Amino acid sequence: MSQRVLISDDVEAIHSLVKIRLKDEGIKWSSAYDADSGVDLATKEQPDLVLLDVDMPGRDGFAACAVLKANPKTIGIPVIFLTASASPEQKVRGLELGALDYVNKPFDPSELRARVRGALRLKYMMDLLAHKAAVDGLTGLWNRVHFDHRLATETSLAKRNGTTVSCIMIDVDHFKNVNDSYGHPFGDSVLRRVAELTVGICRTEDVCCRYGGEEFAVLCPNTCATGAAELAERIREAIEAEIFERNSAAIHISCSFGVAEVSGNGEPTLVELADNALYRAKEGGRNRVAVMTIPQAVSAAA
């Protein structure tokens, strides 16, 4: 997969020279010709590396680097300074601001390739670690950390844009009995299959997570409670129809579902509402879908 590099330099010839020197690296390029445009483009495009000229009119490269490293959206993007100065003081200043490296003008082709390759390799490893840190090891779904992050993002967007976001909380019924009766390895296989069935039915834009233990959560952006409840019912039916086997015995598993929505006009208490709906589903006999909305609760058993 190609990585993207942003060049922020006020001299157009530098852009052409860098691209020529690195033409065999499979890089996708973006260009900015002043520091402010470079910062804006880095924020928008999230490149894998920024090659940043130190000496530019207006805001210089040091100021631009400070802005990038102060922004949570761009703090993880490696920065390599391009400079005609070999001053140790200037290099120290840039490194203290958070830059990864320096390349001196005029460029030595081998040095430029080596430093860019190293920075892109580091970014790839950082992205890989970040992804692994957000993924549940058993099911391969997003984990609770990722869920909490997306929940904050989606509820904030709903509030700002006046849209709706729904949440489906899923709990495997009597899961302790499953583990006690058939063993934890079988219980793990149940959780993995529930995850597979859930992802297979959800839309691409839905965020499927393992919330913890035998609980799962699905965030449904731009979806009202009615639509989320219909989705939950399809997942419920698929899980109910699934046949698990243990020692030649056919075992059926069921799940309870709690669905809630919030809009831009409501407080973002989405998980609390969905949890309350899940509790209603369990009280109502399990293996069903219950729905709660603001300002009043409505229970819908499937």
Protein backbone atom coordinates (compact mmCIF):
# COMPACT_ATOMS: atom_id res chain seq x y z
CA MET A 1 0.00 0.00 0.00
CA SER A 2 1.40 3.38 -1.02
CA GLN A 3 2.14 5.91 1.68
CA ARG A 4 1.56 9.65 1.28
CA VAL A 5 4.23 12.29 1.73
CA LEU A 6 3.50 16.01 1.96
CA ILE A 7 6.19 18.44 0.79
CA SER A 8 5.85 21.91 2.28
CA ASP A 9 8.42 24.19 0.61
CA ASP A 10 8.08 27.59 -1.05
CA VAL A 11 10.42 26.64 -3.93
CA GLU A 12 8.67 24.65 -6.64
CA ALA A 13 11.95 23.22 -7.92
CA ILE A 14 12.46 21.48 -4.56
CA HIS A 15 9.16 19.66 -5.00
CA SER A 16 10.22 18.42 -8.43
CA LEU A 17 13.69 17.43 -7.24
CA VAL A 18 12.43 15.43 -4.26
CA LYS A 19 9.88 13.60 -6.41
CA ILE A 20 12.56 12.74 -8.98
CA ARG A 21 14.93 11.46 -6.29
CA LEU A 22 12.19 9.27 -4.82
CA LYS A 23 10.36 8.32 -8.00
CA ASP A 24 10.87 4.56 -7.43
CA GLU A 25 9.56 4.54 -3.85
CA GLY A 26 5.85 4.21 -4.72
CA ILE A 27 4.95 7.37 -2.80
CA LYS A 28 1.77 9.41 -3.26
CA TRP A 29 2.63 13.11 -3.16
CA SER A 30 0.95 16.24 -1.86
CA SER A 31 2.40 19.73 -2.18
CA ALA A 32 2.11 22.97 -0.22
CA TYR A 33 4.07 26.14 -0.93
CA ASP A 34 3.82 27.91 2.40
CA ALA A 35 3.69 26.82 6.04
CA ASP A 36 0.03 27.64 6.65
CA SER A 37 -1.12 25.65 3.61
CA GLY A 38 1.14 22.80 4.70
CA VAL A 39 -0.43 22.68 8.16
CA ASP A 40 -3.95 22.79 6.69
CA LEU A 41 -3.16 20.04 4.15
CA ALA A 42 -1.52 17.83 6.78
CA THR A 43 -4.58 18.15 8.99
CA LYS A 44 -6.93 17.34 6.13
CA GLU A 45 -5.01 14.55 4.37
CA GLN A 46 -3.19 12.92 7.32
CA PRO A 47 -0.04 12.06 5.33
CA ASP A 48 2.47 9.49 6.55
CA LEU A 49 5.33 12.00 6.46
CA VAL A 50 5.83 15.75 6.13
CA LEU A 51 8.96 17.12 4.45
CA LEU A 52 9.04 20.65 5.85
CA ASP A 53 11.26 23.51 4.71
CA VAL A 54 12.69 25.54 7.57
CA ASP A 55 13.03 28.86 5.75
CA MET A 56 9.72 30.01 4.28
CA PRO A 57 8.18 33.46 4.04
CA GLY A 58 5.65 34.25 6.77
CA ARG A 59 5.37 31.40 9.24
CA ASP A 60 8.59 29.37 9.09
CA GLY A 61 9.03 25.63 9.33
CA PHE A 62 9.71 25.70 13.08
CA ALA A 63 6.40 27.44 13.76
CA ALA A 64 4.59 25.03 11.43
CA CYS A 65 6.15 22.03 13.20
CA ALA A 66 5.07 23.42 16.57
CA VAL A 67 1.48 23.67 15.31
CA LEU A 68 1.52 20.13 13.92
CA LYS A 69 2.86 18.69 17.17
CA ALA A 70 0.33 20.59 19.27
CA ASN A 71 -2.63 19.20 17.31
CA PRO A 72 -3.86 15.71 18.36
CA LYS A 73 -4.81 15.04 14.72
CA THR A 74 -1.27 15.59 13.42
CA ILE A 75 1.00 14.95 16.40
CA GLY A 76 1.79 11.42 15.19
CA ILE A 77 2.87 12.46 11.68
CA PRO A 78 6.69 12.33 11.36
CA VAL A 79 8.35 15.56 10.24
CA ILE A 80 11.67 15.77 8.41
CA PHE A 81 13.07 19.27 8.07
CA LEU A 82 14.59 20.39 4.79
CA THR A 83 17.24 23.04 5.37
CA ALA A 84 20.24 24.66 3.75
CA SER A 85 21.71 25.26 7.20
CA ALA A 86 23.89 22.70 8.97
CA SER A 87 23.85 24.68 12.23
CA PRO A 88 23.74 22.35 15.27
CA GLU A 89 21.64 24.93 17.12
CA GLN A 90 19.02 24.90 14.39
CA LYS A 91 18.93 21.11 14.34
CA VAL A 92 18.55 20.92 18.10
CA ARG A 93 15.69 23.43 17.98
CA GLY A 94 13.84 21.40 15.38
CA LEU A 95 14.31 18.11 17.23
CA GLU A 96 13.09 19.68 20.46
CA LEU A 97 9.95 20.81 18.63
CA GLY A 98 9.25 17.18 17.74
CA ALA A 99 10.83 16.75 14.30
CA LEU A 100 12.12 13.28 13.51
CA ASP A 101 15.08 14.18 11.31
CA TYR A 102 16.87 16.67 9.07
CA VAL A 103 17.96 16.51 5.45
CA ASN A 104 20.37 19.17 4.23
CA LYS A 105 20.07 20.96 0.90
CA PRO A 106 21.41 20.22 -1.64
CA PHE A 107 20.18 16.65 -1.20
CA ASP A 108 22.37 13.62 -1.42
CA PRO A 109 20.08 11.14 -3.22
CA SER A 110 21.09 8.13 -1.12
CA GLU A 111 20.74 10.02 2.15
CA LEU A 112 17.34 11.42 1.18
CA ARG A 113 16.02 7.97 0.25
CA ALA A 114 17.38 6.40 3.42
CA ARG A 115 15.90 9.02 5.73
CA VAL A 116 12.51 9.03 4.01
CA ARG A 117 12.38 5.22 3.98
CA GLY A 118 13.24 5.16 7.68
CA ALA A 119 10.54 7.69 8.54
CA LEU A 120 7.88 5.87 6.49
CA ARG A 121 8.85 2.54 8.03
CA LEU A 122 8.50 4.06 11.50
CA LYS A 123 5.09 5.51 10.63
CA TYR A 124 3.92 2.15 9.32
CA MET A 125 4.97 0.43 12.55
CA MET A 126 3.32 3.15 14.65
CA ASP A 127 0.07 2.73 12.71
CA LEU A 128 0.26 -1.04 13.07
CA LEU A 129 0.74 -0.80 16.83
CA ALA A 130 -2.06 1.75 17.15
CA HIS A 131 -4.38 -0.53 15.21
CA LYS A 132 -3.49 -3.55 17.32
CA ALA A 133 -4.03 -1.53 20.50
CA ALA A 134 -7.59 -0.74 19.34
CA VAL A 135 -8.53 -4.31 18.33
CA ASP A 136 -9.90 -7.04 20.58
CA GLY A 137 -7.53 -10.00 20.47
CA LEU A 138 -10.21 -12.70 20.67
CA THR A 139 -12.83 -11.53 18.19
CA GLY A 140 -10.94 -9.15 15.93
CA LEU A 141 -13.54 -6.44 16.55
CA TRP A 142 -12.69 -2.94 17.74
CA ASN A 143 -12.18 -2.88 21.49
CA ARG A 144 -13.60 -0.70 24.29
CA VAL A 145 -10.92 1.97 23.86
CA HIS A 146 -11.84 2.44 20.21
CA PHE A 147 -15.54 2.35 21.04
CA ASP A 148 -15.21 5.12 23.61
CA HIS A 149 -13.28 7.25 21.12
CA ARG A 150 -15.83 6.75 18.34
CA LEU A 151 -18.73 7.28 20.75
CA ALA A 152 -17.37 10.70 21.70
CA THR A 153 -16.80 11.56 18.02
CA GLU A 154 -20.21 10.42 16.77
CA THR A 155 -22.22 12.02 19.58
CA SER A 156 -20.31 15.26 19.10
CA LEU A 157 -21.06 15.19 15.35
CA ALA A 158 -24.73 14.47 16.04
CA LYS A 159 -24.93 17.41 18.42
CA ARG A 160 -23.15 19.75 16.02
CA ASN A 161 -24.99 18.70 12.87
CA GLY A 162 -28.41 17.96 14.33
CA THR A 163 -28.24 14.33 13.18
CA THR A 164 -28.95 11.07 14.99
CA VAL A 165 -26.69 8.27 16.18
CA SER A 166 -27.88 4.99 17.66
CA CYS A 167 -26.22 2.33 19.74
CA ILE A 168 -26.95 -1.38 20.00
CA MET A 169 -25.76 -3.16 23.14
CA ILE A 170 -25.61 -6.96 22.80
CA ASP A 171 -25.27 -9.48 25.61
CA VAL A 172 -24.92 -13.26 25.15
CA ASP A 173 -27.67 -14.86 27.24
CA HIS A 174 -26.57 -17.07 30.16
CA PHE A 175 -22.98 -17.00 28.98
CA LYS A 176 -21.64 -18.14 32.36
CA ASN A 177 -23.67 -21.32 31.99
CA VAL A 178 -22.17 -21.82 28.54
CA ASN A 179 -18.65 -21.62 29.95
CA ASP A 180 -19.51 -23.81 32.94
CA SER A 181 -21.24 -26.45 30.84
CA TYR A 182 -19.00 -26.65 27.78
CA GLY A 183 -15.71 -25.01 28.81
CA HIS A 184 -14.05 -21.67 28.12
CA PRO A 185 -12.61 -22.65 24.70
CA PHE A 186 -16.14 -23.34 23.50
CA GLY A 187 -17.28 -20.04 25.05
CA ASP A 188 -14.52 -18.26 23.15
CA SER A 189 -15.69 -19.84 19.90
CA VAL A 190 -19.22 -18.59 20.64
CA LEU A 191 -17.96 -15.04 21.12
CA ARG A 192 -15.99 -15.19 17.88
CA ARG A 193 -19.00 -16.45 15.95
CA VAL A 194 -21.31 -13.82 17.44
CA ALA A 195 -18.77 -11.21 16.35
CA GLU A 196 -18.63 -12.66 12.81
CA LEU A 197 -22.42 -12.73 12.47
CA THR A 198 -22.73 -9.18 13.77
CA VAL A 199 -20.12 -7.75 11.40
CA GLY A 200 -21.60 -9.68 8.48
CA ILE A 201 -25.00 -8.09 8.97
CA CYS A 202 -23.94 -4.55 9.90
CA ARG A 203 -23.25 -1.84 7.33
CA THR A 204 -19.75 -0.62 6.47
CA GLU A 205 -20.31 2.62 8.37
CA ASP A 206 -21.42 0.85 11.57
CA VAL A 207 -18.78 0.47 14.28
CA CYS A 208 -18.79 -3.05 15.77
CA CYS A 209 -16.92 -3.48 19.06
CA ARG A 210 -16.43 -5.97 21.83
CA TYR A 211 -17.51 -3.92 24.82
CA GLY A 212 -16.23 -6.38 27.41
CA GLY A 213 -16.74 -10.01 28.45
CA GLU A 214 -19.78 -11.34 26.60
CA GLU A 215 -21.04 -7.85 25.69
CA PHE A 216 -20.80 -6.24 22.28
CA ALA A 217 -21.70 -2.75 21.08
CA VAL A 218 -22.55 -1.36 17.65
CA LEU A 219 -22.57 2.37 16.89
CA CYS A 220 -24.87 3.28 14.00
CA PRO A 221 -24.20 6.81 12.68
CA ASN A 222 -27.07 8.71 11.05
CA THR A 223 -29.50 6.03 12.16
CA CYS A 224 -32.67 6.38 14.24
CA ALA A 225 -33.68 3.89 16.92
CA THR A 226 -36.19 2.24 14.59
CA GLY A 227 -33.53 1.51 11.98
CA ALA A 228 -31.07 0.30 14.62
CA ALA A 229 -33.75 -1.95 16.14
CA GLU A 230 -34.40 -3.52 12.73
CA LEU A 231 -30.66 -4.15 12.40
CA ALA A 232 -30.55 -5.62 15.90
CA GLU A 233 -33.46 -7.94 15.09
CA ARG A 234 -31.65 -9.29 12.02
CA ILE A 235 -28.56 -9.98 14.13
CA ARG A 236 -30.71 -11.61 16.83
CA GLU A 237 -32.36 -13.92 14.31
CA ALA A 238 -29.02 -14.91 12.78
CA ILE A 239 -27.53 -15.79 16.17
CA GLU A 240 -30.65 -17.69 17.22
CA ALA A 241 -30.54 -19.75 14.01
CA GLU A 242 -26.85 -20.59 14.37
CA ILE A 243 -26.08 -24.15 15.48
CA PHE A 244 -22.99 -24.67 17.64
CA GLU A 245 -21.62 -28.16 18.11
CA ARG A 246 -19.93 -29.61 21.17
CA ASN A 247 -19.28 -33.36 21.54
CA SER A 248 -21.78 -34.07 18.73
CA ALA A 249 -24.47 -32.08 20.57
CA ALA A 250 -26.30 -29.22 18.82
CA ILE A 251 -26.26 -26.10 20.99
CA HIS A 252 -28.28 -22.94 20.40
CA ILE A 253 -27.19 -19.55 21.70
CA SER A 254 -29.29 -16.41 22.05
CA CYS A 255 -28.54 -12.76 22.74
CA SER A 256 -30.42 -9.84 24.26
CA PHE A 257 -30.29 -6.42 22.61
CA GLY A 258 -30.68 -2.89 23.92
CA VAL A 259 -31.12 -0.08 21.40
CA ALA A 260 -31.03 3.68 21.98
CA GLU A 261 -30.63 6.84 19.97
CA VAL A 262 -29.63 10.41 20.64
CA SER A 263 -29.92 13.40 18.36
CA GLY A 264 -28.24 16.76 18.24
CA ASN A 265 -30.98 18.13 20.48
CA GLY A 266 -30.37 15.61 23.26
CA GLU A 267 -27.70 14.89 25.80
CA PRO A 268 -25.21 12.25 24.65
CA THR A 269 -26.17 9.59 27.24
CA LEU A 270 -26.22 6.95 24.55
CA VAL A 271 -24.57 4.02 26.33
CA GLU A 272 -26.59 4.55 29.51
CA LEU A 273 -29.81 4.49 27.49
CA ALA A 274 -28.75 1.42 25.53
CA ASP A 275 -27.77 -0.33 28.77
CA ASN A 276 -31.19 0.44 30.22
CA ALA A 277 -32.81 -0.98 27.11
CA LEU A 278 -30.64 -4.10 27.39
CA TYR A 279 -31.77 -4.52 31.00
CA ARG A 280 -35.39 -4.34 29.82
CA ALA A 281 -34.71 -7.00 27.21
CA LYS A 282 -33.33 -9.30 29.89
CA GLU A 283 -36.23 -8.57 32.23
CA GLY A 284 -38.63 -9.35 29.39
CA GLY A 285 -37.30 -12.87 28.95
CA ARG A 286 -34.03 -12.40 26.99
CA ASN A 287 -33.47 -13.22 23.32
CA ARG A 288 -35.25 -10.03 22.32
CA VAL A 289 -34.71 -6.39 21.34
CA ALA A 290 -35.70 -3.48 23.56
CA VAL A 291 -35.56 0.18 22.55
CA MET A 292 -35.22 3.40 24.51
CA THR A 293 -35.30 6.91 23.10
CA ILE A 294 -35.15 10.45 24.47
CA PRO A 295 -37.26 11.83 26.10
CA GLN A 296 -39.34 8.74 26.82
CA ALA A 297 -38.63 5.04 26.81
CA VAL A 298 -40.35 2.66 24.43
CA SER A 299 -39.87 -1.09 24.76
CA ALA A 300 -40.13 -3.23 21.62
CA ALA A 301 -39.84 -6.94 22.11
CA ALA A 302 -38.97 -9.02 19.09
